[in-house]
Amino acid sequence: MTEELRELGHAEAPDGDDDLFPEVCNVASFTVPDGMKKTRLDAFLGSVADLSRSRLKRLVEQGDCTVDGTSCTDADFKVRPGQVVTLRMPEASDILVPEDGPLEVVYADEDIAVVNKPAGLTMHPCPSCPTGTLVHRLLSRFPALALQEGPRPGIVHRLDKDTSGLVIIALSERARLRLIEDFAARRVHKTYLAVTRGVPPAEGMSDLPIGRHPTMKTRMAVVPEEKGGRNALTSWSTLYASPSGRFSLLAVRIFTGRTHQIRVHLARAGFPLWGDSVYGPEDKASPAARQLLHAWKLEFSHPVSGTAMSFICPPPEDFPRAMLALERGTRRVILTGMPGCGKSAVLERMEERHIFVWSADRAVAAQYMPGADGWHLMRQRWGNAFFDDGGRVDRAKLTKLLAETPGMRRELERMIHPLVRDSMETFFRKAEAAGEAAAVAEVPLWFETGWTCPGADIAVIVCPDKMRHERLRATRNWSDAKIAAVESWQWKQEDKIAAADLLIHNAGTLDDLDREVDVFLAALSEKGRARGEELCAAWRALWSGEGAQP
């Protein structure tokens, strides 16, 4: 089957993305393209009409087909390039009854209407949904549609039940015929909004052929053309990428209309749509109740006047709600500060408030335990230099060696920090899986490690230097020399404060610290609420065509 044949004659199949059906027409004509070898009539029709081979054969044999204007009832007849094959579709046996229901009409004249189809509404009657469709509502709003023959009056392309957005409706016969031609020739430009799992490249495309899944007939898949796949072309650009990496908002263009094209191509690229249980993972905790796909923009020429038409339709509220839930996820907080500032005391108060917490110091201690990965690496590198008789790390010996041996601290950090970082990431993933509202990781050397945690709030505990030093002498028995040595490895407190998102002041009593922690948590909550409102406003401006990327 040649590409030219597909361009000239193919009427595209249903898509959660969008589609054209030649069987919507009472009569459809197809020209056999130049360069095509002689082909059986039913095989040719099977390549251009989205009907089964057996059904097409019956239509031919019962006299519903002509070749160059002459009736042909022989399905084995060999068609040649340049011949025009016309197929008459059977009329619907059921009478469609108009039904009242919400219908958002974006534009209408005597020939066309552009409507915003809500998610959850089936486009037209089918065996599993004989009533309650968009067509039934259209007949109530536009009675003239009843003059069109067939079970899908006015429908020249369609969206999946759970895809929302713009649809063109042909209100007159002349508009219907011309729109079918325009869709087949790809003169109608369609852009969708899609919310994907993960963050794909800023710009991307897929031209993988799509066909029916070889074993699951209700699904589509990437299928080689020699095995029945049909050419498909999808491109996308990123409008917004979540700092957390959990999702992206894409503008997606389709240049063909294969069944579930956008969903299949993005899933194959590794970025399935949120809410898509067919092509994405099953996720009972997903904030999306349906695949987050919306027919956002339509550009076409009016089928009668030829006037350039352009429409844009923002998505329904489930888009910003789901995106905000994904953006928030588990609120990640990095707790840091200078030695003696009270990080452990703050962490204890977080735990008392049933907040999920993790400590880098504890993670380091776990790596120092006999048999741990860090313990093995240290023994291999330095032998028994700072181990006690029981094979445990002697922290006093280690601290002395770090102070006396140039470069040793950096080497030890290169061994231990990746293990600690992995522990922290595991902690945050567990918090997400458990549905925790917030998770706090205490990392004393956060700024010094150069680590990043997209979307996290960095909280610095602030304490006057004199008070910190007094605490270190009293509670840890640190000398002034040790205090100076340890602090020389770190950023200055004023630099940490300047880089912080939030501060926790700890210059008073433990009761004062309790109040400061409550103030901090309230500020964190308010920051999240304000950020949510800011993001939703930015997203709405973006898909309304009024704003730039948030």
Protein backbone atom coordinates (compact mmCIF):
# COMPACT_ATOMS: atom_id res chain seq x y z
CA MET A 1 0.00 0.00 0.00
CA THR A 2 1.56 3.29 -1.06
CA GLU A 3 1.69 6.50 0.90
CA GLU A 4 -0.03 8.21 -2.03
CA LEU A 5 -2.99 5.88 -1.69
CA ARG A 6 -3.33 6.75 1.95
CA GLU A 7 -3.15 10.46 1.20
CA LEU A 8 -5.75 10.34 -1.59
CA GLY A 9 -8.25 7.86 -0.38
CA HIS A 10 -7.96 7.01 3.28
CA ALA A 11 -10.61 8.12 5.71
CA GLU A 12 -8.99 7.97 9.11
CA ALA A 13 -10.01 5.64 11.91
CA PRO A 14 -11.32 6.55 15.40
CA ASP A 15 -8.92 8.12 17.80
CA GLY A 16 -8.95 9.21 21.40
CA ASP A 17 -7.20 11.92 19.60
CA ASP A 18 -9.46 12.56 16.64
CA ASP A 19 -10.85 10.96 13.53
CA LEU A 20 -12.66 10.87 10.26
CA PHE A 21 -15.07 8.15 9.18
CA PRO A 22 -16.04 7.69 5.54
CA GLU A 23 -18.95 5.53 6.64
CA VAL A 24 -20.46 8.71 8.09
CA CYS A 25 -21.23 9.61 4.48
CA ASN A 26 -24.03 7.97 2.54
CA VAL A 27 -21.71 7.86 -0.49
CA ALA A 28 -17.90 8.00 -0.49
CA SER A 29 -15.60 8.14 -3.53
CA PHE A 30 -11.95 7.11 -3.73
CA THR A 31 -9.48 7.55 -6.58
CA VAL A 32 -6.96 4.78 -7.26
CA PRO A 33 -3.59 6.58 -7.17
CA ASP A 34 -1.00 6.59 -9.91
CA GLY A 35 1.70 3.98 -9.58
CA MET A 36 -0.49 1.44 -7.88
CA LYS A 37 -0.54 -2.07 -9.35
CA LYS A 38 -3.80 -3.72 -10.28
CA THR A 39 -5.55 -4.58 -7.02
CA ARG A 40 -8.69 -6.49 -6.08
CA LEU A 41 -11.66 -4.18 -5.57
CA ASP A 42 -12.37 -5.38 -2.02
CA ALA A 43 -8.67 -5.12 -1.11
CA PHE A 44 -8.52 -1.55 -2.40
CA LEU A 45 -11.66 -0.59 -0.49
CA GLY A 46 -10.22 -2.24 2.61
CA SER A 47 -7.22 0.09 2.38
CA VAL A 48 -9.25 3.28 2.15
CA ALA A 49 -12.50 2.60 4.03
CA ASP A 50 -12.51 1.72 7.70
CA LEU A 51 -14.81 -1.30 7.34
CA SER A 52 -14.08 -5.00 7.61
CA ARG A 53 -13.11 -6.85 4.43
CA SER A 54 -16.15 -9.13 4.73
CA ARG A 55 -18.52 -6.19 5.10
CA LEU A 56 -17.01 -4.44 2.11
CA LYS A 57 -17.32 -7.60 0.04
CA ARG A 58 -21.02 -7.84 0.93
CA LEU A 59 -21.59 -4.20 -0.03
CA VAL A 60 -19.95 -4.80 -3.40
CA GLU A 61 -21.87 -7.99 -4.07
CA GLN A 62 -25.22 -6.38 -3.18
CA GLY A 63 -24.65 -3.58 -5.72
CA ASP A 64 -23.50 -0.72 -3.49
CA CYS A 65 -20.29 -0.05 -5.45
CA THR A 66 -19.45 1.55 -8.79
CA VAL A 67 -16.18 1.84 -10.70
CA ASP A 68 -16.02 4.89 -12.99
CA GLY A 69 -19.78 5.21 -12.68
CA THR A 70 -20.55 1.61 -13.62
CA SER A 71 -22.00 -0.80 -11.07
CA CYS A 72 -19.56 -3.53 -10.05
CA THR A 73 -20.65 -6.54 -8.00
CA ASP A 74 -17.43 -8.55 -8.39
CA ALA A 75 -15.20 -8.17 -5.31
CA ASP A 76 -12.35 -9.79 -7.30
CA PHE A 77 -12.43 -7.09 -9.98
CA LYS A 78 -8.97 -5.54 -10.48
CA VAL A 79 -8.99 -1.73 -10.24
CA ARG A 80 -6.39 0.38 -12.04
CA PRO A 81 -4.75 3.78 -11.35
CA GLY A 82 -7.01 6.71 -12.13
CA GLN A 83 -10.28 4.84 -11.66
CA VAL A 84 -12.86 6.31 -9.29
CA VAL A 85 -14.46 3.82 -6.91
CA THR A 86 -17.69 4.91 -5.24
CA LEU A 87 -19.17 3.09 -2.28
CA ARG A 88 -22.69 3.59 -0.94
CA MET A 89 -22.97 2.95 2.77
CA PRO A 90 -26.07 1.28 4.25
CA GLU A 91 -28.50 3.67 5.88
CA ALA A 92 -29.19 3.44 9.58
CA SER A 93 -32.12 1.29 10.54
CA ASP A 94 -32.82 3.11 13.80
CA ILE A 95 -34.45 6.52 13.99
CA LEU A 96 -32.46 8.94 16.11
CA VAL A 97 -34.50 10.75 18.74
CA PRO A 98 -33.28 14.19 19.85
CA GLU A 99 -32.34 14.44 23.52
CA ASP A 100 -31.91 17.48 25.70
CA GLY A 101 -28.58 17.89 27.45
CA PRO A 102 -25.79 20.39 28.05
CA LEU A 103 -24.15 21.49 24.81
CA GLU A 104 -21.47 24.19 24.64
CA VAL A 105 -21.59 25.71 21.17
CA VAL A 106 -18.45 27.71 20.47
CA TYR A 107 -19.56 28.81 16.99
CA ALA A 108 -22.47 28.13 14.64
CA ASP A 109 -23.83 29.26 11.27
CA GLU A 110 -26.11 27.58 8.75
CA ASP A 111 -23.38 25.17 7.57
CA ILE A 112 -21.21 24.29 10.55
CA ALA A 113 -21.04 24.30 14.32
CA VAL A 114 -18.01 24.02 16.54
CA VAL A 115 -18.79 22.50 19.93
CA ASN A 116 -16.83 21.75 23.07
CA LYS A 117 -17.45 18.07 23.81
CA PRO A 118 -17.18 17.22 27.50
CA ALA A 119 -15.23 14.22 28.67
CA GLY A 120 -17.43 11.20 29.30
CA LEU A 121 -19.81 11.88 26.39
CA THR A 122 -19.83 9.40 23.51
CA MET A 123 -19.80 11.05 20.09
CA HIS A 124 -22.49 9.03 18.29
CA PRO A 125 -24.73 5.98 18.77
CA CYS A 126 -23.12 2.56 18.75
CA PRO A 127 -24.27 -0.88 19.94
CA SER A 128 -22.89 -0.28 23.44
CA CYS A 129 -24.28 3.27 23.63
CA PRO A 130 -27.49 3.62 21.56
CA THR A 131 -28.66 6.80 23.33
CA GLY A 132 -27.30 9.70 25.34
CA THR A 133 -24.64 10.72 22.82
CA LEU A 134 -23.44 14.03 21.42
CA VAL A 135 -25.42 13.35 18.24
CA HIS A 136 -28.67 13.12 20.24
CA ARG A 137 -27.95 16.49 21.87
CA LEU A 138 -27.00 18.02 18.52
CA LEU A 139 -30.30 16.91 16.98
CA SER A 140 -32.14 18.71 19.76
CA ARG A 141 -30.15 21.91 19.20
CA PHE A 142 -29.92 21.69 15.39
CA PRO A 143 -33.07 19.94 14.05
CA ALA A 144 -31.86 20.29 10.44
CA LEU A 145 -29.32 17.52 11.15
CA ALA A 146 -32.19 15.05 10.94
CA LEU A 147 -32.22 15.61 7.16
CA GLN A 148 -28.81 13.96 6.87
CA GLU A 149 -28.81 10.23 6.31
CA GLY A 150 -26.95 7.71 8.41
CA PRO A 151 -26.55 7.05 12.14
CA ARG A 152 -24.05 9.86 12.67
CA PRO A 153 -25.49 13.01 11.14
CA GLY A 154 -23.07 15.91 11.09
CA ILE A 155 -20.10 13.91 12.40
CA VAL A 156 -17.05 14.32 10.18
CA HIS A 157 -14.41 13.55 12.81
CA ARG A 158 -14.59 12.43 16.37
CA LEU A 159 -13.00 12.27 19.81
CA ASP A 160 -12.88 9.36 22.22
CA LYS A 161 -15.53 9.30 24.92
CA ASP A 162 -13.04 10.41 27.59
CA THR A 163 -11.29 13.05 25.47
CA SER A 164 -12.72 16.55 25.76
CA GLY A 165 -12.56 19.51 23.43
CA LEU A 166 -13.35 20.99 20.05
CA VAL A 167 -15.32 19.14 17.39
CA ILE A 168 -16.56 20.45 14.02
CA ILE A 169 -20.14 19.51 13.12
CA ALA A 170 -21.42 19.69 9.53
CA LEU A 171 -24.93 21.17 9.60
CA SER A 172 -25.47 21.03 5.83
CA GLU A 173 -24.79 18.45 3.16
CA ARG A 174 -22.46 20.75 1.25
CA ALA A 175 -20.43 21.42 4.38
CA ARG A 176 -20.30 17.72 5.23
CA LEU A 177 -18.92 16.68 1.87
CA ARG A 178 -16.30 19.43 1.79
CA LEU A 179 -15.18 18.81 5.38
CA ILE A 180 -14.72 15.12 4.64
CA GLU A 181 -12.44 16.10 1.76
CA ASP A 182 -10.54 18.57 3.93
CA PHE A 183 -9.97 16.03 6.70
CA ALA A 184 -8.82 13.40 4.20
CA ALA A 185 -6.41 15.90 2.64
CA ARG A 186 -5.21 16.99 6.09
CA ARG A 187 -6.22 20.58 5.59
CA VAL A 188 -7.73 20.69 9.09
CA HIS A 189 -5.10 21.41 11.74
CA LYS A 190 -5.65 19.96 15.20
CA THR A 191 -3.70 20.66 18.39
CA TYR A 192 -4.29 18.93 21.70
CA LEU A 193 -3.29 19.48 25.30
CA ALA A 194 -1.90 16.38 26.98
CA VAL A 195 -0.63 15.82 30.52
CA THR A 196 2.08 13.17 30.50
CA ARG A 197 3.80 11.15 33.16
CA GLY A 198 7.38 12.39 33.40
CA VAL A 199 9.09 15.10 31.37
CA PRO A 200 9.76 14.36 27.69
CA PRO A 201 12.21 16.39 25.56
CA ALA A 202 11.02 19.96 25.01
CA GLU A 203 10.29 19.16 21.36
CA GLY A 204 9.58 15.73 19.94
CA MET A 205 7.87 13.72 17.27
CA SER A 206 6.94 10.15 16.45
CA ASP A 207 6.25 8.63 13.04
CA LEU A 208 5.85 5.03 14.17
CA PRO A 209 3.07 3.18 12.31
CA ILE A 210 -0.01 2.27 14.31
CA GLY A 211 -2.30 -0.71 13.95
CA ARG A 212 -4.58 -2.96 15.93
CA HIS A 213 -2.81 -4.74 18.80
CA PRO A 214 -2.01 -8.29 17.68
CA THR A 215 -3.58 -9.95 20.74
CA MET A 216 -5.75 -7.30 22.45
CA LYS A 217 -8.21 -6.17 19.79
CA THR A 218 -9.60 -3.28 21.82
CA ARG A 219 -6.18 -1.65 21.88
CA MET A 220 -3.87 -0.12 19.33
CA ALA A 221 -0.11 -0.52 19.19
CA VAL A 222 2.97 0.33 17.18
CA VAL A 223 2.76 -2.22 14.34
CA PRO A 224 5.10 -2.45 11.32
CA GLU A 225 3.43 -1.43 8.06
CA GLU A 226 4.13 -4.84 6.55
CA LYS A 227 1.99 -6.30 9.35
CA GLY A 228 -0.93 -3.92 8.94
CA GLY A 229 0.30 -0.78 10.69
CA ARG A 230 -0.61 2.53 9.08
CA ASN A 231 1.56 5.59 8.85
CA ALA A 232 1.08 8.05 11.71
CA LEU A 233 2.75 11.34 12.56
CA THR A 234 2.60 13.16 15.89
CA SER A 235 4.66 16.11 17.12
CA TRP A 236 4.70 17.87 20.46
CA SER A 237 6.20 20.79 22.33
CA THR A 238 6.39 21.25 26.09
CA LEU A 239 4.33 24.10 27.50
CA TYR A 240 5.12 23.35 31.14
CA ALA A 241 7.39 20.84 32.86
CA SER A 242 6.84 20.21 36.57
CA PRO A 243 9.99 20.87 38.64
CA SER A 244 9.25 17.61 40.43
CA GLY A 245 9.51 15.72 37.14
CA ARG A 246 6.14 14.07 37.76
CA PHE A 247 4.33 15.53 34.75
CA SER A 248 4.42 17.81 31.74
CA LEU A 249 1.79 19.77 29.84
CA LEU A 250 2.28 19.29 26.09
CA ALA A 251 0.83 20.90 22.99
CA VAL A 252 0.43 17.98 20.58
CA ARG A 253 -0.15 18.20 16.81
CA ILE A 254 -1.41 15.23 14.86
CA PHE A 255 -0.99 15.07 11.10
CA THR A 256 -2.84 11.77 10.76
CA GLY A 257 -5.79 10.49 12.73
CA ARG A 258 -5.05 6.95 13.73
CA THR A 259 -6.94 5.31 16.52
CA HIS A 260 -5.54 6.47 19.88
CA GLN A 261 -2.60 8.02 18.03
CA ILE A 262 -1.45 10.48 20.67
CA ARG A 263 -1.86 7.98 23.48
CA VAL A 264 0.05 5.25 21.66
CA HIS A 265 2.90 7.48 20.46
CA LEU A 266 3.48 9.16 23.82
CA ALA A 267 3.25 5.89 25.72
CA ARG A 268 5.76 4.30 23.34
CA ALA A 269 8.07 7.29 23.91
CA GLY A 270 7.93 6.52 27.64
CA PHE A 271 5.51 9.29 28.62
CA PRO A 272 1.95 7.91 28.84
CA LEU A 273 -0.90 10.23 29.67
CA TRP A 274 -1.96 10.63 33.26
CA GLY A 275 -5.27 8.85 33.75
CA ASP A 276 -4.79 6.54 30.76
CA SER A 277 -5.33 3.07 32.19
CA VAL A 278 -5.14 1.47 28.73
CA TYR A 279 -1.68 2.64 27.64
CA GLY A 280 -0.29 3.73 30.99
CA PRO A 281 0.21 1.97 34.32
CA GLU A 282 -2.72 1.14 36.56
CA ASP A 283 -2.65 3.75 39.28
CA LYS A 284 -5.41 3.82 41.87
CA ALA A 285 -3.85 6.93 43.42
CA SER A 286 -3.90 8.90 40.15
CA PRO A 287 -5.54 12.33 40.54
CA ALA A 288 -6.87 12.03 36.98
CA ALA A 289 -10.19 10.23 36.53
CA ARG A 290 -9.71 10.01 32.74
CA GLN A 291 -6.89 10.35 30.25
CA LEU A 292 -5.84 14.01 30.38
CA LEU A 293 -6.25 14.76 26.68
CA HIS A 294 -8.12 17.77 25.32
CA ALA A 295 -8.76 18.96 21.75
CA TRP A 296 -7.45 22.47 22.29
CA LYS A 297 -7.17 24.23 18.92
CA LEU A 298 -8.81 23.88 15.51
CA GLU A 299 -7.75 25.66 12.36
CA PHE A 300 -9.52 25.14 9.04
CA SER A 301 -11.15 26.91 6.12
CA HIS A 302 -14.91 27.33 6.22
CA PRO A 303 -16.26 24.57 3.96
CA VAL A 304 -18.59 26.96 2.10
CA SER A 305 -17.19 30.48 2.32
CA GLY A 306 -13.51 29.50 2.44
CA THR A 307 -12.92 31.91 5.35
CA ALA A 308 -10.02 30.96 7.61
CA MET A 309 -11.43 29.74 10.93
CA SER A 310 -9.47 29.37 14.16
CA PHE A 311 -10.75 28.29 17.57
CA ILE A 312 -9.15 27.72 20.94
CA CYS A 313 -10.88 26.05 23.87
CA PRO A 314 -9.35 25.83 27.39
CA PRO A 315 -9.63 22.42 29.03
CA PRO A 316 -12.13 21.65 31.79
CA GLU A 317 -11.29 22.08 35.46
CA ASP A 318 -10.08 18.51 35.89
CA PHE A 319 -6.90 19.55 34.08
CA PRO A 320 -5.67 22.19 36.58
CA ARG A 321 -6.98 20.16 39.53
CA ALA A 322 -5.05 17.06 38.52
CA MET A 323 -1.94 19.05 37.58
CA LEU A 324 -1.97 20.86 40.91
CA ALA A 325 -2.35 17.58 42.79
CA LEU A 326 0.60 16.21 40.84
CA GLU A 327 2.61 19.38 41.40
CA ARG A 328 2.03 19.20 45.11
CA GLY A 329 2.42 15.47 45.56
CA THR A 330 4.33 14.97 48.78
CA ARG A 331 5.75 18.32 49.83
CA ARG A 332 9.53 17.82 50.01
CA VAL A 333 11.47 19.85 52.56
CA ILE A 334 15.24 19.93 53.01
CA LEU A 335 16.24 20.95 56.55
CA THR A 336 19.76 22.29 56.98
CA GLY A 337 21.88 24.72 58.96
CA MET A 338 25.19 25.24 60.76
CA PRO A 339 26.56 22.86 63.45
CA GLY A 340 24.78 23.42 66.76
CA CYS A 341 21.80 25.27 65.25
CA GLY A 342 19.29 22.67 66.51
CA LYS A 343 18.55 20.52 63.46
CA SER A 344 17.93 17.40 65.56
CA ALA A 345 15.62 19.27 67.92
CA VAL A 346 13.59 20.60 64.99
CA LEU A 347 13.42 17.14 63.43
CA GLU A 348 12.10 15.70 66.71
CA ARG A 349 9.32 18.28 66.75
CA MET A 350 8.44 17.41 63.16
CA GLU A 351 8.14 13.75 64.16
CA GLU A 352 5.91 14.71 67.09
CA ARG A 353 3.58 16.30 64.55
CA HIS A 354 3.51 13.02 62.59
CA ILE A 355 5.54 14.36 59.69
CA PHE A 356 7.59 11.86 57.68
CA VAL A 357 11.29 12.57 58.48
CA TRP A 358 14.74 11.34 57.47
CA SER A 359 18.22 12.26 58.71
CA ALA A 360 21.42 12.26 56.69
CA ASP A 361 23.38 11.83 59.92
CA ARG A 362 21.45 8.64 60.65
CA ALA A 363 21.97 7.46 57.08
CA VAL A 364 25.74 8.06 57.42
CA ALA A 365 25.75 6.18 60.72
CA ALA A 366 24.02 3.27 59.01
CA GLN A 367 26.76 3.22 56.34
CA TYR A 368 29.40 3.10 59.09
CA MET A 369 27.85 -0.03 60.61
CA PRO A 370 29.81 -3.30 60.12
CA GLY A 371 28.75 -4.99 56.89
CA ALA A 372 27.21 -1.89 55.27
CA ASP A 373 28.31 -0.82 51.78
CA GLY A 374 30.08 2.27 53.15
CA TRP A 375 31.85 0.21 55.81
CA HIS A 376 33.23 -2.17 53.15
CA LEU A 377 34.43 0.73 50.96
CA MET A 378 36.21 2.38 53.89
CA ARG A 379 37.91 -0.87 54.95
CA GLN A 380 39.11 -1.46 51.40
CA ARG A 381 40.54 2.04 51.13
CA TRP A 382 42.01 2.70 54.59
CA GLY A 383 42.17 -0.67 56.32
CA ASN A 384 41.89 -0.41 60.13
CA ALA A 385 43.08 3.23 60.32
CA PHE A 386 39.98 4.41 62.17
CA PHE A 387 38.23 1.22 63.25
CA ASP A 388 38.07 -0.02 66.83
CA ASP A 389 38.84 -3.55 67.99
CA GLY A 390 35.25 -4.60 67.26
CA GLY A 391 35.49 -3.49 63.64
CA ARG A 392 33.32 -0.41 64.17
CA VAL A 393 34.16 3.10 62.99
CA ASP A 394 35.77 5.11 65.79
CA ARG A 395 34.33 8.58 65.16
CA ALA A 396 37.03 10.32 67.24
CA LYS A 397 39.84 8.67 65.26
CA LEU A 398 38.05 9.45 62.01
CA THR A 399 37.60 13.12 62.90
CA LYS A 400 41.28 13.41 63.86
CA LEU A 401 42.41 11.81 60.60
CA LEU A 402 40.12 14.05 58.54
CA ALA A 403 41.67 17.11 60.18
CA GLU A 404 45.23 15.85 59.72
CA THR A 405 45.04 14.25 56.26
CA PRO A 406 44.59 16.66 53.33
CA GLY A 407 42.07 15.40 50.79
CA MET A 408 40.81 12.53 52.93
CA ARG A 409 37.51 14.24 53.77
CA ARG A 410 36.73 14.79 50.08
CA GLU A 411 37.59 11.19 49.27
CA LEU A 412 35.39 9.89 52.07
CA GLU A 413 32.52 12.11 50.94
CA ARG A 414 32.84 10.77 47.38
CA MET A 415 32.39 7.27 48.80
CA ILE A 416 29.60 7.89 51.29
CA HIS A 417 27.53 10.73 49.82
CA PRO A 418 26.13 8.75 46.84
CA LEU A 419 24.94 6.07 49.23
CA VAL A 420 23.33 8.67 51.47
CA ARG A 421 21.76 10.43 48.50
CA ASP A 422 20.24 7.13 47.35
CA SER A 423 18.82 6.62 50.84
CA MET A 424 17.23 10.08 50.72
CA GLU A 425 15.65 9.46 47.32
CA THR A 426 14.28 6.15 48.57
CA PHE A 427 12.82 8.00 51.57
CA PHE A 428 11.04 10.53 49.34
CA ARG A 429 9.69 7.78 47.07
CA LYS A 430 8.29 5.94 50.08
CA ALA A 431 6.66 9.16 51.28
CA GLU A 432 5.03 9.62 47.85
CA ALA A 433 3.83 6.01 47.77
CA ALA A 434 2.38 6.38 51.27
CA GLY A 435 0.53 9.55 50.26
CA GLU A 436 2.29 11.68 52.88
CA ALA A 437 1.43 15.37 52.67
CA ALA A 438 5.01 16.37 53.54
CA ALA A 439 8.39 14.72 54.01
CA VAL A 440 11.35 16.40 55.72
CA ALA A 441 14.96 15.38 55.09
CA GLU A 442 17.63 16.78 57.42
CA VAL A 443 20.83 17.25 55.42
CA PRO A 444 23.52 19.24 57.31
CA LEU A 445 25.75 19.64 54.24
CA TRP A 446 22.98 20.28 51.72
CA PHE A 447 24.56 23.31 50.09
CA GLU A 448 28.07 21.90 50.29
CA THR A 449 27.18 18.63 48.50
CA GLY A 450 25.74 20.44 45.49
CA TRP A 451 22.73 18.12 45.54
CA THR A 452 19.43 19.22 44.05
CA CYS A 453 15.85 18.18 44.81
CA PRO A 454 13.45 19.66 42.20
CA GLY A 455 10.43 21.29 43.78
CA ALA A 456 11.73 21.00 47.36
CA ASP A 457 11.65 23.85 49.88
CA ILE A 458 15.00 24.50 51.52
CA ALA A 459 14.60 25.44 55.19
CA VAL A 460 17.56 26.82 57.12
CA ILE A 461 17.60 26.80 60.93
CA VAL A 462 19.02 30.10 62.11
CA CYS A 463 20.85 30.48 65.40
CA PRO A 464 23.37 33.16 66.51
CA ASP A 465 26.98 31.98 66.23
CA LYS A 466 27.75 32.60 69.92
CA MET A 467 24.78 30.46 71.04
CA ARG A 468 25.66 27.66 68.59
CA HIS A 469 29.25 27.53 69.79
CA GLU A 470 28.17 27.41 73.44
CA ARG A 471 25.87 24.48 72.63
CA LEU A 472 28.64 22.62 70.80
CA ARG A 473 31.04 23.02 73.72
CA ALA A 474 28.41 22.01 76.31
CA THR A 475 26.61 19.15 74.54
CA ARG A 476 29.30 17.70 72.24
CA ASN A 477 32.47 18.75 74.07
CA TRP A 478 33.84 20.36 70.90
CA SER A 479 36.91 22.52 71.24
CA ASP A 480 37.18 25.90 69.57
CA ALA A 481 39.68 24.37 67.15
CA LYS A 482 37.23 21.63 66.14
CA ILE A 483 34.39 24.11 65.75
CA ALA A 484 36.57 26.23 63.49
CA ALA A 485 37.72 23.19 61.47
CA VAL A 486 34.21 21.83 60.90
CA GLU A 487 32.76 25.21 60.02
CA SER A 488 35.59 25.83 57.57
CA TRP A 489 34.17 22.96 55.49
CA GLN A 490 30.76 24.64 55.22
CA TRP A 491 29.09 27.67 53.75
CA LYS A 492 28.81 30.63 56.10
CA GLN A 493 25.49 30.97 57.91
CA GLU A 494 24.63 34.21 56.10
CA ASP A 495 25.14 32.50 52.74
CA LYS A 496 22.86 29.63 53.74
CA ILE A 497 20.20 32.09 54.86
CA ALA A 498 20.42 33.90 51.52
CA ALA A 499 19.90 30.62 49.63
CA ALA A 500 16.97 29.43 51.78
CA ASP A 501 13.29 29.34 50.86
CA LEU A 502 12.15 29.40 54.49
CA LEU A 503 13.75 30.01 57.89
CA ILE A 504 13.26 28.50 61.35
CA HIS A 505 14.60 30.67 64.14
CA ASN A 506 16.10 28.88 67.14
CA ALA A 507 17.50 31.44 69.56
CA GLY A 508 15.27 30.78 72.57
CA THR A 509 13.89 28.00 74.74
CA LEU A 510 12.49 24.66 73.61
CA ASP A 511 8.97 26.09 74.05
CA ASP A 512 10.00 28.94 71.76
CA LEU A 513 11.23 26.37 69.23
CA ASP A 514 7.88 24.56 69.37
CA ARG A 515 6.14 27.77 68.41
CA GLU A 516 8.70 28.46 65.67
CA VAL A 517 8.09 25.00 64.16
CA ASP A 518 4.34 25.69 64.10
CA VAL A 519 4.99 29.06 62.43
CA PHE A 520 7.22 27.34 59.90
CA LEU A 521 4.61 24.67 59.06
CA ALA A 522 1.92 27.33 58.63
CA ALA A 523 4.24 29.31 56.34
CA LEU A 524 4.97 26.14 54.36
CA SER A 525 1.25 25.48 53.94
CA GLU A 526 0.56 29.08 52.89
CA LYS A 527 3.46 28.99 50.45
CA GLY A 528 1.99 25.85 48.89
CA ARG A 529 -1.49 27.37 48.64
CA ALA A 530 -0.19 30.58 47.08
CA ARG A 531 2.01 28.66 44.67
CA GLY A 532 -0.98 26.52 43.70
CA GLU A 533 -3.10 29.56 42.93
CA GLU A 534 -0.23 31.10 41.01
CA LEU A 535 0.32 27.96 38.95
CA CYS A 536 -3.37 27.48 38.15
CA ALA A 537 -3.65 31.10 37.03
CA ALA A 538 -0.53 30.73 34.88
CA TRP A 539 -1.77 27.47 33.33
CA ARG A 540 -5.15 29.01 32.52
CA ALA A 541 -3.46 32.02 30.92
CA LEU A 542 -1.20 29.68 28.97
CA TRP A 543 -3.94 27.56 27.42
CA SER A 544 -6.13 30.60 26.86
CA GLY A 545 -3.37 32.03 24.69
CA GLU A 546 -2.76 34.93 27.09
CA GLY A 547 0.36 33.93 28.96
CA ALA A 548 3.85 32.51 28.76
CA GLN A 549 5.18 29.41 30.49
CA PRO A 550 4.69 29.52 34.31
